[in-house]
Amino acid sequence: MASPRRNRTLYLSTIQDNWRWFTAFVVVIALALVVAAVVVGEAFAVIHDVQAKVEDVRLDTFALYTTNHTAGLFAGGNISVAVAVRNPNWAMSMEYTKPLVAAFVFFQRRLHNASFVEEGRSQRRSSTRLHLLHAAWEVPSQVLDTAAMEEFEKQNATGVFDLEMRLSGEIKFLAHRKLRRMHLSCPLRLQVAPPGHEVVVFPPVECVPFTPENVYI
């Protein structure tokens, strides 16, 4: 039969073990809460820029021509673009506070503006949305200055054109009142597609940020 002193020692040892386990449990929970608070705080405090990728493009026409109803030379084109816009913020959805506009540029000369995401449209957190854009332009050849005309002739001879699609818009994120401007440049090297529905292979292109101070006409 165990003595009272031994029983008391075992009792105290059990209490100490239970207290150590309880303290360790409390410390682990406290650390988990701190880590969760830091992660959640960073998710709402740090805003990652919106990303975009051109998934597919078809350039049906890009040429200089004259028209029957107007005098002078014109630059005309017709293009279809599939662009994927990604919201990389896993804690916040976003909303367009201004329309998302695509400007098509050749040799720093703007050919056409097309709005393809309307104001007020939202996008869920950590999601990618594919937008289809069809644009056509017919502008006086004066829009292309001498240097741009010379570059057009060079590229026309090869059948491959270097166009740029510039995306501009304004967005806001959940829990943030500050509006954020969106400026992305998507460089496109394109060959005019053959007549008909023949598929033209296009490798996806990542769009990169650009500063709006880079003014073009």
N, C-alpha and C. Protein backbone atom coordinates (compact mmCIF):
# COMPACT_ATOMS: atom_id res chain seq x y z
N MET A 1 0.85 -1.20 0.00
CA MET A 1 0.00 0.00 0.00
C MET A 1 0.88 1.24 0.00
N ALA A 2 0.58 2.19 -0.96
CA ALA A 2 1.41 3.40 -1.07
C ALA A 2 1.20 4.29 0.13
N SER A 3 2.27 4.92 0.55
CA SER A 3 2.22 5.82 1.69
C SER A 3 1.53 7.11 1.31
N PRO A 4 0.95 7.88 2.28
CA PRO A 4 0.32 9.17 1.99
C PRO A 4 1.28 10.15 1.33
N ARG A 5 2.58 10.11 1.74
CA ARG A 5 3.55 11.04 1.16
C ARG A 5 3.75 10.75 -0.33
N ARG A 6 3.81 9.44 -0.65
CA ARG A 6 3.99 9.07 -2.06
C ARG A 6 2.78 9.47 -2.89
N ASN A 7 1.59 9.25 -2.33
CA ASN A 7 0.38 9.64 -3.04
C ASN A 7 0.33 11.15 -3.28
N ARG A 8 0.76 11.91 -2.29
CA ARG A 8 0.76 13.37 -2.44
C ARG A 8 1.76 13.80 -3.52
N THR A 9 2.91 13.13 -3.56
CA THR A 9 3.93 13.44 -4.57
C THR A 9 3.40 13.16 -5.97
N LEU A 10 2.73 12.00 -6.12
CA LEU A 10 2.15 11.66 -7.42
C LEU A 10 1.07 12.66 -7.82
N TYR A 11 0.29 13.08 -6.84
CA TYR A 11 -0.79 14.05 -7.10
C TYR A 11 -0.23 15.39 -7.59
N LEU A 12 0.81 15.85 -6.87
CA LEU A 12 1.43 17.13 -7.25
C LEU A 12 2.09 17.02 -8.62
N SER A 13 2.73 15.87 -8.91
CA SER A 13 3.37 15.67 -10.21
C SER A 13 2.33 15.70 -11.34
N THR A 14 1.17 15.09 -11.08
CA THR A 14 0.10 15.08 -12.09
C THR A 14 -0.40 16.50 -12.35
N ILE A 15 -0.54 17.27 -11.28
CA ILE A 15 -0.99 18.67 -11.44
C ILE A 15 0.01 19.46 -12.25
N GLN A 16 1.29 19.25 -11.94
CA GLN A 16 2.33 19.98 -12.67
C GLN A 16 2.34 19.60 -14.15
N ASP A 17 2.18 18.29 -14.45
CA ASP A 17 2.14 17.85 -15.85
C ASP A 17 0.94 18.45 -16.57
N ASN A 18 -0.20 18.41 -15.92
CA ASN A 18 -1.41 18.99 -16.54
C ASN A 18 -1.26 20.48 -16.77
N TRP A 19 -0.63 21.18 -15.82
CA TRP A 19 -0.42 22.62 -15.97
C TRP A 19 0.52 22.92 -17.14
N ARG A 20 1.59 22.07 -17.26
CA ARG A 20 2.51 22.28 -18.38
C ARG A 20 1.81 22.06 -19.72
N TRP A 21 0.99 21.02 -19.81
CA TRP A 21 0.25 20.77 -21.05
C TRP A 21 -0.73 21.92 -21.33
N PHE A 22 -1.40 22.38 -20.30
CA PHE A 22 -2.35 23.49 -20.48
C PHE A 22 -1.61 24.75 -20.93
N THR A 23 -0.45 25.05 -20.31
CA THR A 23 0.33 26.24 -20.69
C THR A 23 0.80 26.13 -22.14
N ALA A 24 1.30 24.93 -22.50
CA ALA A 24 1.75 24.73 -23.88
C ALA A 24 0.59 24.91 -24.86
N PHE A 25 -0.60 24.40 -24.51
CA PHE A 25 -1.77 24.54 -25.36
C PHE A 25 -2.14 26.01 -25.54
N VAL A 26 -2.13 26.76 -24.42
CA VAL A 26 -2.46 28.19 -24.49
C VAL A 26 -1.45 28.94 -25.35
N VAL A 27 -0.16 28.59 -25.22
CA VAL A 27 0.88 29.26 -26.01
C VAL A 27 0.69 28.98 -27.50
N VAL A 28 0.38 27.72 -27.83
CA VAL A 28 0.16 27.36 -29.24
C VAL A 28 -1.04 28.11 -29.81
N ILE A 29 -2.13 28.16 -29.06
CA ILE A 29 -3.32 28.88 -29.53
C ILE A 29 -3.01 30.36 -29.71
N ALA A 30 -2.27 30.95 -28.75
CA ALA A 30 -1.92 32.37 -28.84
C ALA A 30 -1.07 32.64 -30.07
N LEU A 31 -0.07 31.77 -30.32
CA LEU A 31 0.77 31.93 -31.50
C LEU A 31 -0.04 31.80 -32.78
N ALA A 32 -0.97 30.84 -32.80
CA ALA A 32 -1.82 30.65 -33.99
C ALA A 32 -2.67 31.88 -34.24
N LEU A 33 -3.21 32.48 -33.17
CA LEU A 33 -4.02 33.69 -33.32
C LEU A 33 -3.19 34.86 -33.82
N VAL A 34 -1.95 34.96 -33.31
CA VAL A 34 -1.07 36.04 -33.77
C VAL A 34 -0.74 35.88 -35.25
N VAL A 35 -0.38 34.64 -35.65
CA VAL A 35 -0.08 34.38 -37.06
C VAL A 35 -1.28 34.66 -37.93
N ALA A 36 -2.47 34.23 -37.49
CA ALA A 36 -3.69 34.48 -38.27
C ALA A 36 -3.97 35.97 -38.39
N ALA A 37 -3.76 36.72 -37.30
CA ALA A 37 -3.98 38.16 -37.33
C ALA A 37 -3.01 38.83 -38.30
N VAL A 38 -1.75 38.37 -38.29
CA VAL A 38 -0.75 38.95 -39.19
C VAL A 38 -1.11 38.65 -40.64
N VAL A 39 -1.49 37.39 -40.91
CA VAL A 39 -1.83 37.00 -42.29
C VAL A 39 -3.04 37.76 -42.79
N VAL A 40 -4.09 37.80 -41.96
CA VAL A 40 -5.30 38.52 -42.38
C VAL A 40 -5.03 40.01 -42.51
N GLY A 41 -4.27 40.57 -41.57
CA GLY A 41 -3.93 41.99 -41.65
C GLY A 41 -3.15 42.31 -42.90
N GLU A 42 -2.20 41.45 -43.24
CA GLU A 42 -1.41 41.68 -44.46
C GLU A 42 -2.27 41.54 -45.70
N ALA A 43 -3.21 40.58 -45.66
CA ALA A 43 -4.08 40.36 -46.82
C ALA A 43 -4.91 41.60 -47.13
N PHE A 44 -5.33 42.33 -46.09
CA PHE A 44 -6.14 43.52 -46.32
C PHE A 44 -5.29 44.78 -46.45
N ALA A 45 -4.08 44.75 -45.87
CA ALA A 45 -3.24 45.95 -45.90
C ALA A 45 -2.42 46.03 -47.18
N VAL A 46 -1.97 44.87 -47.69
CA VAL A 46 -1.13 44.84 -48.89
C VAL A 46 -2.01 44.50 -50.09
N ILE A 47 -2.03 45.39 -51.06
CA ILE A 47 -2.83 45.18 -52.27
C ILE A 47 -1.91 44.81 -53.42
N HIS A 48 -2.18 43.67 -54.02
CA HIS A 48 -1.40 43.23 -55.18
C HIS A 48 -2.05 43.78 -56.45
N ASP A 49 -1.22 44.25 -57.37
CA ASP A 49 -1.74 44.86 -58.60
C ASP A 49 -2.48 43.83 -59.46
N VAL A 50 -3.49 44.33 -60.15
CA VAL A 50 -4.24 43.49 -61.08
C VAL A 50 -3.32 43.06 -62.23
N GLN A 51 -3.49 41.82 -62.66
CA GLN A 51 -2.67 41.27 -63.74
C GLN A 51 -3.54 41.00 -64.96
N ALA A 52 -2.91 40.98 -66.13
CA ALA A 52 -3.64 40.68 -67.36
C ALA A 52 -2.75 39.91 -68.31
N LYS A 53 -3.39 39.05 -69.09
CA LYS A 53 -2.67 38.25 -70.09
C LYS A 53 -3.52 38.16 -71.34
N VAL A 54 -2.90 38.38 -72.50
CA VAL A 54 -3.61 38.19 -73.77
C VAL A 54 -3.53 36.72 -74.12
N GLU A 55 -4.68 36.05 -74.08
CA GLU A 55 -4.72 34.60 -74.32
C GLU A 55 -4.75 34.26 -75.81
N ASP A 56 -5.41 35.12 -76.59
CA ASP A 56 -5.54 34.83 -78.02
C ASP A 56 -5.83 36.14 -78.76
N VAL A 57 -5.36 36.21 -80.01
CA VAL A 57 -5.59 37.39 -80.85
C VAL A 57 -5.76 36.93 -82.29
N ARG A 58 -6.63 37.61 -83.00
CA ARG A 58 -6.75 37.40 -84.44
C ARG A 58 -6.81 38.77 -85.11
N LEU A 59 -5.83 39.07 -85.93
CA LEU A 59 -5.78 40.32 -86.70
C LEU A 59 -6.28 40.00 -88.10
N ASP A 60 -7.50 40.43 -88.41
CA ASP A 60 -8.08 40.10 -89.70
C ASP A 60 -7.61 41.05 -90.80
N THR A 61 -7.46 42.33 -90.48
CA THR A 61 -6.97 43.29 -91.47
C THR A 61 -6.12 44.35 -90.81
N PHE A 62 -5.15 44.84 -91.53
CA PHE A 62 -4.40 46.03 -91.15
C PHE A 62 -3.74 46.54 -92.43
N ALA A 63 -4.27 47.64 -92.97
CA ALA A 63 -3.83 48.07 -94.29
C ALA A 63 -4.09 49.55 -94.49
N LEU A 64 -3.45 50.09 -95.52
CA LEU A 64 -3.72 51.45 -95.99
C LEU A 64 -4.58 51.36 -97.23
N TYR A 65 -5.60 52.21 -97.33
CA TYR A 65 -6.48 52.14 -98.49
C TYR A 65 -7.20 53.47 -98.67
N THR A 66 -7.83 53.62 -99.82
CA THR A 66 -8.68 54.78 -100.08
C THR A 66 -10.13 54.31 -100.07
N THR A 67 -11.05 55.25 -99.85
CA THR A 67 -12.47 54.91 -99.85
C THR A 67 -13.18 55.67 -100.95
N ASN A 68 -14.34 55.16 -101.33
CA ASN A 68 -15.11 55.80 -102.41
C ASN A 68 -15.80 57.07 -101.94
N HIS A 69 -16.21 57.10 -100.64
CA HIS A 69 -17.01 58.23 -100.17
C HIS A 69 -16.16 59.36 -99.60
N THR A 70 -14.86 59.12 -99.38
CA THR A 70 -14.01 60.20 -98.84
C THR A 70 -12.68 60.21 -99.57
N ALA A 71 -12.15 61.40 -99.71
CA ALA A 71 -10.84 61.53 -100.35
C ALA A 71 -9.75 61.28 -99.32
N GLY A 72 -8.61 60.85 -99.81
CA GLY A 72 -7.46 60.66 -98.93
C GLY A 72 -7.21 59.20 -98.60
N LEU A 73 -6.09 58.99 -97.94
CA LEU A 73 -5.64 57.65 -97.58
C LEU A 73 -6.00 57.36 -96.12
N PHE A 74 -6.40 56.12 -95.88
CA PHE A 74 -6.82 55.73 -94.53
C PHE A 74 -6.05 54.50 -94.07
N ALA A 75 -5.87 54.41 -92.75
CA ALA A 75 -5.32 53.20 -92.14
C ALA A 75 -6.47 52.48 -91.44
N GLY A 76 -6.69 51.25 -91.81
CA GLY A 76 -7.82 50.51 -91.24
C GLY A 76 -7.38 49.16 -90.70
N GLY A 77 -8.13 48.68 -89.73
CA GLY A 77 -7.81 47.38 -89.16
C GLY A 77 -9.00 46.78 -88.46
N ASN A 78 -8.90 45.48 -88.23
CA ASN A 78 -9.95 44.74 -87.54
C ASN A 78 -9.28 43.66 -86.71
N ILE A 79 -9.58 43.63 -85.41
CA ILE A 79 -8.87 42.73 -84.51
C ILE A 79 -9.83 42.15 -83.48
N SER A 80 -9.56 40.92 -83.07
CA SER A 80 -10.31 40.26 -81.99
C SER A 80 -9.30 39.80 -80.94
N VAL A 81 -9.60 40.08 -79.69
CA VAL A 81 -8.65 39.79 -78.61
C VAL A 81 -9.39 39.09 -77.46
N ALA A 82 -8.74 38.08 -76.91
CA ALA A 82 -9.21 37.44 -75.68
C ALA A 82 -8.20 37.77 -74.59
N VAL A 83 -8.61 38.60 -73.62
CA VAL A 83 -7.69 39.03 -72.57
C VAL A 83 -8.22 38.57 -71.21
N ALA A 84 -7.34 37.93 -70.45
CA ALA A 84 -7.69 37.43 -69.12
C ALA A 84 -7.21 38.41 -68.07
N VAL A 85 -8.12 38.89 -67.23
CA VAL A 85 -7.79 39.82 -66.14
C VAL A 85 -7.87 39.05 -64.83
N ARG A 86 -6.80 39.13 -64.04
CA ARG A 86 -6.73 38.39 -62.77
C ARG A 86 -6.67 39.33 -61.58
N ASN A 87 -7.50 39.04 -60.60
CA ASN A 87 -7.44 39.71 -59.29
C ASN A 87 -6.65 38.79 -58.36
N PRO A 88 -5.38 39.07 -58.07
CA PRO A 88 -4.56 38.16 -57.27
C PRO A 88 -4.77 38.27 -55.77
N ASN A 89 -5.60 39.20 -55.34
CA ASN A 89 -5.83 39.40 -53.90
C ASN A 89 -6.82 38.37 -53.38
N TRP A 90 -6.34 37.48 -52.49
CA TRP A 90 -7.19 36.37 -52.05
C TRP A 90 -8.21 36.78 -50.98
N ALA A 91 -8.07 37.99 -50.43
CA ALA A 91 -8.99 38.41 -49.38
C ALA A 91 -10.01 39.45 -49.86
N MET A 92 -9.80 40.04 -51.05
CA MET A 92 -10.63 41.18 -51.45
C MET A 92 -11.11 41.04 -52.89
N SER A 93 -12.40 41.26 -53.08
CA SER A 93 -12.93 41.40 -54.43
C SER A 93 -12.66 42.82 -54.92
N MET A 94 -12.83 43.05 -56.22
CA MET A 94 -12.58 44.38 -56.77
C MET A 94 -13.75 44.81 -57.63
N GLU A 95 -13.84 46.12 -57.82
CA GLU A 95 -14.92 46.69 -58.62
C GLU A 95 -14.34 47.77 -59.53
N TYR A 96 -14.81 47.78 -60.78
CA TYR A 96 -14.37 48.80 -61.73
C TYR A 96 -15.14 50.09 -61.46
N THR A 97 -14.44 51.16 -61.11
CA THR A 97 -15.09 52.44 -60.87
C THR A 97 -15.09 53.31 -62.14
N LYS A 98 -14.35 52.87 -63.15
CA LYS A 98 -14.40 53.45 -64.49
C LYS A 98 -14.30 52.31 -65.49
N PRO A 99 -14.78 52.49 -66.71
CA PRO A 99 -14.69 51.41 -67.69
C PRO A 99 -13.22 51.04 -67.96
N LEU A 100 -12.99 49.77 -68.26
CA LEU A 100 -11.67 49.32 -68.68
C LEU A 100 -11.57 49.52 -70.19
N VAL A 101 -10.57 50.29 -70.61
CA VAL A 101 -10.44 50.69 -72.01
C VAL A 101 -9.17 50.10 -72.60
N ALA A 102 -9.27 49.61 -73.83
CA ALA A 102 -8.11 49.13 -74.57
C ALA A 102 -7.79 50.12 -75.67
N ALA A 103 -6.56 50.61 -75.71
CA ALA A 103 -6.11 51.50 -76.78
C ALA A 103 -5.14 50.72 -77.66
N PHE A 104 -5.39 50.71 -78.95
CA PHE A 104 -4.52 50.01 -79.89
C PHE A 104 -3.54 51.02 -80.49
N VAL A 105 -2.26 50.71 -80.37
CA VAL A 105 -1.20 51.66 -80.72
C VAL A 105 -0.25 51.01 -81.71
N PHE A 106 0.15 51.79 -82.71
CA PHE A 106 1.18 51.35 -83.66
C PHE A 106 2.28 52.39 -83.72
N PHE A 107 3.48 52.01 -83.37
CA PHE A 107 4.64 52.90 -83.43
C PHE A 107 4.36 54.22 -82.69
N GLN A 108 3.80 54.08 -81.47
CA GLN A 108 3.45 55.21 -80.60
C GLN A 108 2.35 56.11 -81.17
N ARG A 109 1.59 55.60 -82.13
CA ARG A 109 0.46 56.36 -82.67
C ARG A 109 -0.82 55.60 -82.35
N ARG A 110 -1.73 56.25 -81.66
CA ARG A 110 -2.97 55.60 -81.24
C ARG A 110 -3.93 55.48 -82.42
N LEU A 111 -4.41 54.26 -82.65
CA LEU A 111 -5.32 54.00 -83.75
C LEU A 111 -6.78 53.95 -83.31
N HIS A 112 -7.01 53.43 -82.08
CA HIS A 112 -8.40 53.20 -81.70
C HIS A 112 -8.50 52.96 -80.19
N ASN A 113 -9.60 53.41 -79.60
CA ASN A 113 -9.94 53.12 -78.21
C ASN A 113 -11.20 52.29 -78.17
N ALA A 114 -11.20 51.26 -77.31
CA ALA A 114 -12.40 50.43 -77.18
C ALA A 114 -12.63 50.10 -75.71
N SER A 115 -13.83 50.40 -75.21
CA SER A 115 -14.19 50.06 -73.83
C SER A 115 -14.81 48.67 -73.82
N PHE A 116 -14.32 47.78 -72.94
CA PHE A 116 -14.83 46.41 -72.97
C PHE A 116 -15.22 45.85 -71.60
N VAL A 117 -14.99 46.59 -70.52
CA VAL A 117 -15.54 46.22 -69.20
C VAL A 117 -16.21 47.46 -68.64
N GLU A 118 -17.50 47.35 -68.34
CA GLU A 118 -18.26 48.52 -67.95
C GLU A 118 -18.02 48.90 -66.50
N GLU A 119 -18.26 50.17 -66.20
CA GLU A 119 -18.16 50.67 -64.83
C GLU A 119 -19.16 49.94 -63.93
N GLY A 120 -18.73 49.63 -62.71
CA GLY A 120 -19.60 48.97 -61.74
C GLY A 120 -19.49 47.45 -61.74
N ARG A 121 -18.81 46.90 -62.72
CA ARG A 121 -18.66 45.44 -62.75
C ARG A 121 -17.66 45.00 -61.69
N SER A 122 -17.93 43.90 -61.04
CA SER A 122 -17.06 43.42 -59.97
C SER A 122 -16.42 42.10 -60.36
N GLN A 123 -15.37 41.75 -59.63
CA GLN A 123 -14.67 40.48 -59.84
C GLN A 123 -14.27 39.91 -58.49
N ARG A 124 -14.53 38.63 -58.30
CA ARG A 124 -14.27 37.99 -57.02
C ARG A 124 -12.78 37.94 -56.70
N ARG A 125 -12.50 37.73 -55.43
CA ARG A 125 -11.11 37.62 -54.97
C ARG A 125 -10.45 36.39 -55.59
N SER A 126 -9.17 36.52 -55.86
CA SER A 126 -8.35 35.42 -56.38
C SER A 126 -9.01 34.72 -57.56
N SER A 127 -9.51 35.53 -58.51
CA SER A 127 -10.20 34.95 -59.66
C SER A 127 -9.66 35.55 -60.95
N THR A 128 -9.87 34.83 -62.05
CA THR A 128 -9.48 35.29 -63.38
C THR A 128 -10.72 35.32 -64.26
N ARG A 129 -10.90 36.40 -64.99
CA ARG A 129 -12.07 36.52 -65.87
C ARG A 129 -11.59 36.80 -67.30
N LEU A 130 -12.11 36.04 -68.25
CA LEU A 130 -11.74 36.19 -69.65
C LEU A 130 -12.71 37.14 -70.34
N HIS A 131 -12.16 38.15 -71.00
CA HIS A 131 -12.97 39.13 -71.73
C HIS A 131 -12.66 39.04 -73.22
N LEU A 132 -13.69 39.09 -74.04
CA LEU A 132 -13.52 39.07 -75.49
C LEU A 132 -13.77 40.47 -76.04
N LEU A 133 -12.85 40.92 -76.86
CA LEU A 133 -12.91 42.29 -77.39
C LEU A 133 -12.77 42.25 -78.90
N HIS A 134 -13.70 42.91 -79.57
CA HIS A 134 -13.64 43.06 -81.03
C HIS A 134 -13.54 44.55 -81.35
N ALA A 135 -12.56 44.93 -82.13
CA ALA A 135 -12.36 46.35 -82.44
C ALA A 135 -12.02 46.52 -83.91
N ALA A 136 -12.50 47.63 -84.47
CA ALA A 136 -12.19 47.98 -85.86
C ALA A 136 -11.93 49.47 -85.91
N TRP A 137 -10.98 49.87 -86.74
CA TRP A 137 -10.66 51.29 -86.85
C TRP A 137 -10.46 51.69 -88.31
N GLU A 138 -10.74 52.94 -88.55
CA GLU A 138 -10.48 53.56 -89.85
C GLU A 138 -10.09 55.01 -89.56
N VAL A 139 -8.81 55.30 -89.66
CA VAL A 139 -8.31 56.62 -89.30
C VAL A 139 -7.56 57.22 -90.48
N PRO A 140 -7.58 58.55 -90.63
CA PRO A 140 -6.81 59.18 -91.69
C PRO A 140 -5.33 58.84 -91.57
N SER A 141 -4.68 58.70 -92.70
CA SER A 141 -3.27 58.30 -92.69
C SER A 141 -2.40 59.33 -91.97
N GLN A 142 -2.89 60.58 -91.80
CA GLN A 142 -2.13 61.60 -91.08
C GLN A 142 -1.89 61.22 -89.63
N VAL A 143 -2.75 60.31 -89.11
CA VAL A 143 -2.53 59.84 -87.74
C VAL A 143 -1.17 59.17 -87.63
N LEU A 144 -0.75 58.50 -88.70
CA LEU A 144 0.59 57.92 -88.74
C LEU A 144 1.54 58.97 -89.32
N ASP A 145 2.49 59.42 -88.50
CA ASP A 145 3.44 60.42 -89.01
C ASP A 145 4.42 59.74 -89.97
N THR A 146 5.38 60.49 -90.46
CA THR A 146 6.32 59.98 -91.46
C THR A 146 7.04 58.73 -90.98
N ALA A 147 7.52 58.80 -89.74
CA ALA A 147 8.25 57.65 -89.19
C ALA A 147 7.34 56.43 -89.07
N ALA A 148 6.11 56.64 -88.62
CA ALA A 148 5.18 55.53 -88.48
C ALA A 148 4.79 54.95 -89.84
N MET A 149 4.65 55.82 -90.85
CA MET A 149 4.34 55.33 -92.20
C MET A 149 5.48 54.47 -92.74
N GLU A 150 6.71 54.92 -92.52
CA GLU A 150 7.86 54.13 -92.98
C GLU A 150 7.91 52.79 -92.27
N GLU A 151 7.63 52.80 -90.97
CA GLU A 151 7.63 51.55 -90.21
C GLU A 151 6.51 50.62 -90.68
N PHE A 152 5.36 51.20 -91.01
CA PHE A 152 4.26 50.40 -91.52
C PHE A 152 4.66 49.70 -92.82
N GLU A 153 5.30 50.42 -93.71
CA GLU A 153 5.72 49.83 -94.99
C GLU A 153 6.71 48.69 -94.77
N LYS A 154 7.62 48.87 -93.83
CA LYS A 154 8.59 47.80 -93.53
C LYS A 154 7.89 46.55 -93.00
N GLN A 155 6.99 46.77 -92.05
CA GLN A 155 6.32 45.62 -91.45
C GLN A 155 5.32 44.99 -92.42
N ASN A 156 4.70 45.80 -93.23
CA ASN A 156 3.76 45.30 -94.22
C ASN A 156 4.46 44.38 -95.22
N ALA A 157 5.72 44.70 -95.52
CA ALA A 157 6.50 43.87 -96.45
C ALA A 157 6.78 42.49 -95.85
N THR A 158 6.90 42.42 -94.54
CA THR A 158 7.16 41.12 -93.89
C THR A 158 5.87 40.38 -93.57
N GLY A 159 4.76 41.11 -93.52
CA GLY A 159 3.49 40.49 -93.18
C GLY A 159 3.27 40.32 -91.69
N VAL A 160 4.20 40.85 -90.87
CA VAL A 160 4.09 40.75 -89.41
C VAL A 160 4.10 42.15 -88.82
N PHE A 161 3.10 42.45 -87.98
CA PHE A 161 2.96 43.79 -87.42
C PHE A 161 3.17 43.77 -85.91
N ASP A 162 3.83 44.80 -85.42
CA ASP A 162 4.01 45.00 -83.98
C ASP A 162 2.98 46.03 -83.51
N LEU A 163 1.95 45.55 -82.87
CA LEU A 163 0.93 46.42 -82.30
C LEU A 163 1.03 46.35 -80.77
N GLU A 164 0.50 47.35 -80.14
CA GLU A 164 0.47 47.38 -78.68
C GLU A 164 -0.96 47.63 -78.24
N MET A 165 -1.41 46.88 -77.25
CA MET A 165 -2.71 47.12 -76.65
C MET A 165 -2.46 47.64 -75.24
N ARG A 166 -2.91 48.84 -74.96
CA ARG A 166 -2.73 49.45 -73.64
C ARG A 166 -4.06 49.45 -72.90
N LEU A 167 -4.06 48.83 -71.72
CA LEU A 167 -5.26 48.75 -70.90
C LEU A 167 -5.21 49.84 -69.83
N SER A 168 -6.29 50.60 -69.72
CA SER A 168 -6.37 51.67 -68.72
C SER A 168 -7.74 51.62 -68.05
N GLY A 169 -7.73 51.78 -66.73
CA GLY A 169 -8.99 51.78 -66.00
C GLY A 169 -8.77 52.23 -64.57
N GLU A 170 -9.84 52.16 -63.80
CA GLU A 170 -9.78 52.55 -62.38
C GLU A 170 -10.59 51.53 -61.59
N ILE A 171 -10.03 51.07 -60.47
CA ILE A 171 -10.67 50.03 -59.66
C ILE A 171 -10.58 50.38 -58.18
N LYS A 172 -11.40 49.69 -57.40
CA LYS A 172 -11.29 49.78 -55.94
C LYS A 172 -11.46 48.37 -55.37
N PHE A 173 -10.88 48.17 -54.18
CA PHE A 173 -10.94 46.87 -53.53
C PHE A 173 -11.79 46.95 -52.27
N LEU A 174 -12.36 45.81 -51.90
CA LEU A 174 -13.16 45.71 -50.69
C LEU A 174 -12.33 46.17 -49.49
N ALA A 175 -12.94 46.97 -48.62
CA ALA A 175 -12.32 47.48 -47.38
C ALA A 175 -11.27 48.56 -47.65
N HIS A 176 -11.16 49.04 -48.89
CA HIS A 176 -10.25 50.14 -49.19
C HIS A 176 -11.02 51.22 -49.95
N ARG A 177 -10.99 52.42 -49.45
CA ARG A 177 -11.70 53.52 -50.11
C ARG A 177 -10.88 54.11 -51.25
N LYS A 178 -9.56 53.98 -51.17
CA LYS A 178 -8.70 54.60 -52.17
C LYS A 178 -8.88 53.94 -53.53
N LEU A 179 -9.07 54.77 -54.55
CA LEU A 179 -9.19 54.27 -55.91
C LEU A 179 -7.80 54.05 -56.49
N ARG A 180 -7.68 53.03 -57.32
CA ARG A 180 -6.38 52.68 -57.89
C ARG A 180 -6.49 52.69 -59.42
N ARG A 181 -5.54 53.32 -60.04
CA ARG A 181 -5.49 53.35 -61.50
C ARG A 181 -4.83 52.07 -62.02
N MET A 182 -5.26 51.64 -63.17
CA MET A 182 -4.75 50.42 -63.79
C MET A 182 -4.19 50.77 -65.16
N HIS A 183 -2.89 50.52 -65.37
CA HIS A 183 -2.23 50.83 -66.65
C HIS A 183 -1.34 49.64 -67.02
N LEU A 184 -1.73 48.92 -68.06
CA LEU A 184 -0.98 47.75 -68.49
C LEU A 184 -0.75 47.80 -69.99
N SER A 185 0.45 47.40 -70.40
CA SER A 185 0.80 47.37 -71.81
C SER A 185 0.97 45.93 -72.26
N CYS A 186 0.32 45.59 -73.39
CA CYS A 186 0.37 44.23 -73.92
C CYS A 186 0.98 44.28 -75.34
N PRO A 187 2.25 43.94 -75.48
CA PRO A 187 2.89 43.96 -76.80
C PRO A 187 2.43 42.77 -77.65
N LEU A 188 2.01 43.04 -78.88
CA LEU A 188 1.46 42.00 -79.75
C LEU A 188 2.22 41.96 -81.07
N ARG A 189 2.78 40.83 -81.40
CA ARG A 189 3.40 40.63 -82.72
C ARG A 189 2.46 39.73 -83.52
N LEU A 190 1.87 40.30 -84.57
CA LEU A 190 0.76 39.63 -85.24
C LEU A 190 0.95 39.53 -86.74
N GLN A 191 0.49 38.43 -87.27
CA GLN A 191 0.42 38.25 -88.71
C GLN A 191 -1.04 38.34 -89.12
N VAL A 192 -1.31 39.03 -90.22
CA VAL A 192 -2.70 39.14 -90.68
C VAL A 192 -3.22 37.74 -91.01
N ALA A 193 -4.37 37.42 -90.44
CA ALA A 193 -4.94 36.08 -90.62
C ALA A 193 -5.42 35.89 -92.05
N PRO A 194 -5.31 34.67 -92.56
CA PRO A 194 -5.82 34.39 -93.92
C PRO A 194 -7.34 34.45 -93.93
N PRO A 195 -7.94 34.65 -95.09
CA PRO A 195 -9.41 34.68 -95.17
C PRO A 195 -10.00 33.36 -94.68
N GLY A 196 -11.21 33.45 -94.14
CA GLY A 196 -11.88 32.24 -93.67
C GLY A 196 -11.70 32.05 -92.17
N HIS A 197 -11.86 30.83 -91.75
CA HIS A 197 -11.85 30.51 -90.32
C HIS A 197 -10.61 29.71 -89.91
N GLU A 198 -9.57 29.81 -90.70
CA GLU A 198 -8.35 29.08 -90.36
C GLU A 198 -7.79 29.59 -89.02
N VAL A 199 -7.40 28.66 -88.17
CA VAL A 199 -6.88 29.01 -86.85
C VAL A 199 -5.46 29.53 -86.96
N VAL A 200 -5.20 30.66 -86.30
CA VAL A 200 -3.85 31.24 -86.25
C VAL A 200 -3.32 31.04 -84.84
N VAL A 201 -2.21 30.34 -84.72
CA VAL A 201 -1.64 30.05 -83.40
C VAL A 201 -1.01 31.32 -82.83
N PHE A 202 -1.37 31.63 -81.58
CA PHE A 202 -0.84 32.81 -80.91
C PHE A 202 -0.37 32.44 -79.51
N PRO A 203 0.91 32.63 -79.19
CA PRO A 203 1.37 32.33 -77.83
C PRO A 203 0.91 33.41 -76.87
N PRO A 204 0.38 33.03 -75.71
CA PRO A 204 -0.11 34.03 -74.75
C PRO A 204 0.96 35.04 -74.37
N VAL A 205 0.54 36.28 -74.13
CA VAL A 205 1.44 37.38 -73.81
C VAL A 205 1.04 38.01 -72.48
N GLU A 206 1.99 38.13 -71.58
CA GLU A 206 1.75 38.81 -70.31
C GLU A 206 1.78 40.32 -70.52
N CYS A 207 0.84 41.02 -69.92
CA CYS A 207 0.83 42.48 -69.98
C CYS A 207 1.65 43.03 -68.82
N VAL A 208 2.35 44.12 -69.07
CA VAL A 208 3.25 44.68 -68.06
C VAL A 208 2.80 46.11 -67.73
N PRO A 209 3.06 46.56 -66.50
CA PRO A 209 2.68 47.93 -66.12
C PRO A 209 3.42 48.96 -66.96
N PHE A 210 2.74 50.07 -67.24
CA PHE A 210 3.40 51.21 -67.89
C PHE A 210 2.93 52.48 -67.21
N THR A 211 3.74 53.52 -67.31
CA THR A 211 3.39 54.79 -66.69
C THR A 211 2.62 55.65 -67.68
N PRO A 212 1.51 56.23 -67.26
CA PRO A 212 0.71 57.03 -68.17
C PRO A 212 1.43 58.29 -68.65
N GLU A 213 2.58 58.61 -68.05
CA GLU A 213 3.35 59.78 -68.51
C GLU A 213 3.91 59.53 -69.91
N ASN A 214 3.96 58.23 -70.32
CA ASN A 214 4.42 57.92 -71.67
C ASN A 214 3.30 58.29 -72.65
N VAL A 215 3.23 59.55 -73.01
CA VAL A 215 2.13 60.05 -73.81
C VAL A 215 2.33 59.65 -75.26
N TYR A 216 1.25 59.25 -75.89
CA TYR A 216 1.27 58.96 -77.32
C TYR A 216 0.07 59.66 -77.94
N ILE A 217 0.14 59.87 -79.23
CA ILE A 217 -0.93 60.61 -79.93
C ILE A 217 -1.97 59.62 -80.45
